[in-house]
C-alpha atoms as a PDB file:
ATOM      1  CA  UNK A   1      -5.451  -0.603  -1.546  1.00  0.00           C
ATOM      2  CA  UNK A   2      -6.135  -3.076   1.114  1.00  0.00           C
ATOM      3  CA  UNK A   3      -2.646  -4.613   0.702  1.00  0.00           C
ATOM      4  CA  UNK A   4      -1.092  -1.226   1.367  1.00  0.00           C
ATOM      5  CA  UNK A   5      -3.133  -0.599   4.513  1.00  0.00           C
ATOM      6  CA  UNK A   6      -2.284  -3.943   5.794  1.00  0.00           C
ATOM      7  CA  UNK A   7       1.351  -3.562   5.125  1.00  0.00           C
ATOM      8  CA  UNK A   8       1.268  -0.134   6.895  1.00  0.00           C
ATOM      9  CA  UNK A   9      -0.583  -1.745   9.820  1.00  0.00           C
ATOM     10  CA  UNK A  10       1.873  -4.554  10.084  1.00  0.00           C
ATOM     11  CA  UNK A  11       4.780  -2.057   9.961  1.00  0.00           C
ATOM     12  CA  UNK A  12       3.230   0.111  12.511  1.00  0.00           C
ATOM     13  CA  UNK A  13       2.778  -2.911  14.779  1.00  0.00           C
ATOM     14  CA  UNK A  14       6.416  -3.867  14.270  1.00  0.00           C
ATOM     15  CA  UNK A  15       7.563  -0.384  15.095  1.00  0.00           C
ATOM     16  CA  UNK A  16       5.256  -0.271  18.162  1.00  0.00           C
ATOM     17  CA  UNK A  17       6.605  -3.466  19.372  1.00  0.00           C
ATOM     18  CA  UNK A  18      10.273  -2.193  18.723  1.00  0.00           C
ATOM     19  CA  UNK A  19       9.468   0.990  20.756  1.00  0.00           C
ATOM     20  CA  UNK A  20       7.926  -0.865  23.573  1.00  0.00           C
ATOM     21  CA  UNK A  21      11.001  -3.278  23.774  1.00  0.00           C
ATOM     22  CA  UNK A  22      13.132  -0.213  23.689  1.00  0.00           C
ATOM     23  CA  UNK A  23      10.987   1.335  26.254  1.00  0.00           C
ATOM     24  CA  UNK A  24      11.453  -1.856  28.588  1.00  0.00           C
ATOM     25  CA  UNK A  25      15.113  -1.902  28.197  1.00  0.00           C
ATOM     26  CA  UNK A  26      15.218   1.755  29.234  1.00  0.00           C
ATOM     27  CA  UNK A  27      13.308   1.119  32.284  1.00  0.00           C
ATOM     28  CA  UNK A  28      15.516  -1.811  33.101  1.00  0.00           C
ATOM     29  CA  UNK A  29      18.619   0.319  32.810  1.00  0.00           C
ATOM     30  CA  UNK A  30      17.048   3.003  34.838  1.00  0.00           C
ATOM     31  CA  UNK A  31      16.226   0.275  37.495  1.00  0.00           C
ATOM     32  CA  UNK A  32      19.925  -0.979  37.415  1.00  0.00           C
ATOM     33  CA  UNK A  33      21.286   2.600  37.533  1.00  0.00           C
ATOM     34  CA  UNK A  34      19.066   3.216  40.674  1.00  0.00           C
ATOM     35  CA  UNK A  35      20.191  -0.154  42.080  1.00  0.00           C
ATOM     36  CA  UNK A  36      23.881   0.940  41.525  1.00  0.00           C
ATOM     37  CA  UNK A  37      23.381   4.288  43.161  1.00  0.00           C
ATOM     38  CA  UNK A  38      21.790   2.499  46.227  1.00  0.00           C
ATOM     39  CA  UNK A  39      24.667   0.031  46.513  1.00  0.00           C
ATOM     40  CA  UNK A  40      27.048   3.058  45.940  1.00  0.00           C
ATOM     41  CA  UNK A  41      25.327   4.992  48.856  1.00  0.00           C
ATOM     42  CA  UNK A  42      25.323   1.904  51.117  1.00  0.00           C
ATOM     43  CA  UNK A  43      29.076   1.626  50.478  1.00  0.00           C
ATOM     44  CA  UNK A  44      29.633   5.195  51.314  1.00  0.00           C
ATOM     45  CA  UNK A  45      27.512   4.798  54.520  1.00  0.00           C
ATOM     46  CA  UNK A  46      29.453   1.632  55.381  1.00  0.00           C
ATOM     47  CA  UNK A  47      32.617   3.303  54.730  1.00  0.00           C
ATOM     48  CA  UNK A  48      31.741   6.454  56.949  1.00  0.00           C
ATOM     49  CA  UNK A  49      30.675   4.006  59.694  1.00  0.00           C
ATOM     50  CA  UNK A  50      34.051   2.149  59.300  1.00  0.00           C
ATOM     51  CA  UNK A  51      35.812   5.712  59.538  1.00  0.00           C
ATOM     52  CA  UNK A  52      33.784   6.559  62.697  1.00  0.00           C
ATOM     53  CA  UNK A  53      34.726   3.147  64.190  1.00  0.00           C
ATOM     54  CA  UNK A  54      38.410   3.810  63.374  1.00  0.00           C
ATOM     55  CA  UNK A  55      38.225   7.336  65.076  1.00  0.00           C
ATOM     56  CA  UNK A  56      36.590   5.740  68.129  1.00  0.00           C
ATOM     57  CA  UNK A  57      39.410   3.180  68.323  1.00  0.00           C
ATOM     58  CA  UNK A  58      41.897   5.740  67.935  1.00  0.00           C
ATOM     59  CA  UNK A  59      40.317   7.778  70.625  1.00  0.00           C
ATOM     60  CA  UNK A  60      40.001   4.891  72.992  1.00  0.00           C
ATOM     61  CA  UNK A  61      43.595   4.013  72.153  1.00  0.00           C
ATOM     62  CA  UNK A  62      44.652   7.509  73.106  1.00  0.00           C
ATOM     63  CA  UNK A  63      42.685   7.244  76.388  1.00  0.00           C
ATOM     64  CA  UNK A  64      44.354   4.083  77.250  1.00  0.00           C
ATOM     65  CA  UNK A  65      47.817   5.539  76.578  1.00  0.00           C
ATOM     66  CA  UNK A  66      47.001   8.540  78.618  1.00  0.00           C
ATOM     67  CA  UNK A  67      45.817   6.102  81.415  1.00  0.00           C
ATOM     68  CA  UNK A  68      49.209   4.229  81.239  1.00  0.00           C
ATOM     69  CA  UNK A  69      51.137   7.518  81.425  1.00  0.00           C
ATOM     70  CA  UNK A  70      49.136   8.524  84.487  1.00  0.00           C
ATOM     71  CA  UNK A  71      49.842   5.091  86.073  1.00  0.00           C
ATOM     72  CA  UNK A  72      53.420   5.378  85.223  1.00  0.00           C
ATOM     73  CA  UNK A  73      53.585   8.855  86.697  1.00  0.00           C
ATOM     74  CA  UNK A  74      51.839   7.751  89.855  1.00  0.00           C
ATOM     75  CA  UNK A  75      54.020   4.866  89.974  1.00  0.00           C
ATOM     76  CA  UNK A  76      57.145   7.118  89.971  1.00  0.00           C
ATOM     77  CA  UNK A  77      55.677   9.482  92.556  1.00  0.00           C
ATOM     78  CA  UNK A  78      54.944   6.372  94.773  1.00  0.00           C
ATOM     79  CA  UNK A  79      58.636   5.348  94.294  1.00  0.00           C
ATOM     80  CA  UNK A  80      59.900   8.648  95.130  1.00  0.00           C
ATOM     81  CA  UNK A  81      57.836   8.819  98.237  1.00  0.00           C
ATOM     82  CA  UNK A  82      58.958   5.394  99.533  1.00  0.00           C
ATOM     83  CA  UNK A  83      62.474   6.423  98.776  1.00  0.00           C
ATOM     84  CA  UNK A  84      62.187   9.649 100.571  1.00  0.00           C
ATOM     85  CA  UNK A  85      60.472   7.762 103.644  1.00  0.00           C
ATOM     86  CA  UNK A  86      63.038   5.178 103.616  1.00  0.00           C
ATOM     87  CA  UNK A  87      65.890   7.557 103.483  1.00  0.00           C
ATOM     88  CA  UNK A  88      64.676   9.600 106.354  1.00  0.00           C
END
């Protein structure tokens, strides 16, 4: 009877150890999964920042193009004015 109880206790201990190891592995996987989710969220946030920077650059580029077109227009107007003044 004592041998039987000892064997059962030993088996119980092994099972308990196994389940504890399994529990630790599961916790590690969960932690790794959360780390991966955080990395993914960070990448998404970085990507959105990059998209915003690109939109800002595009807007700045369009503003610059508009400025150049405005300067070209003013330059043409000045040339026309000079031609009119010189031609009179």
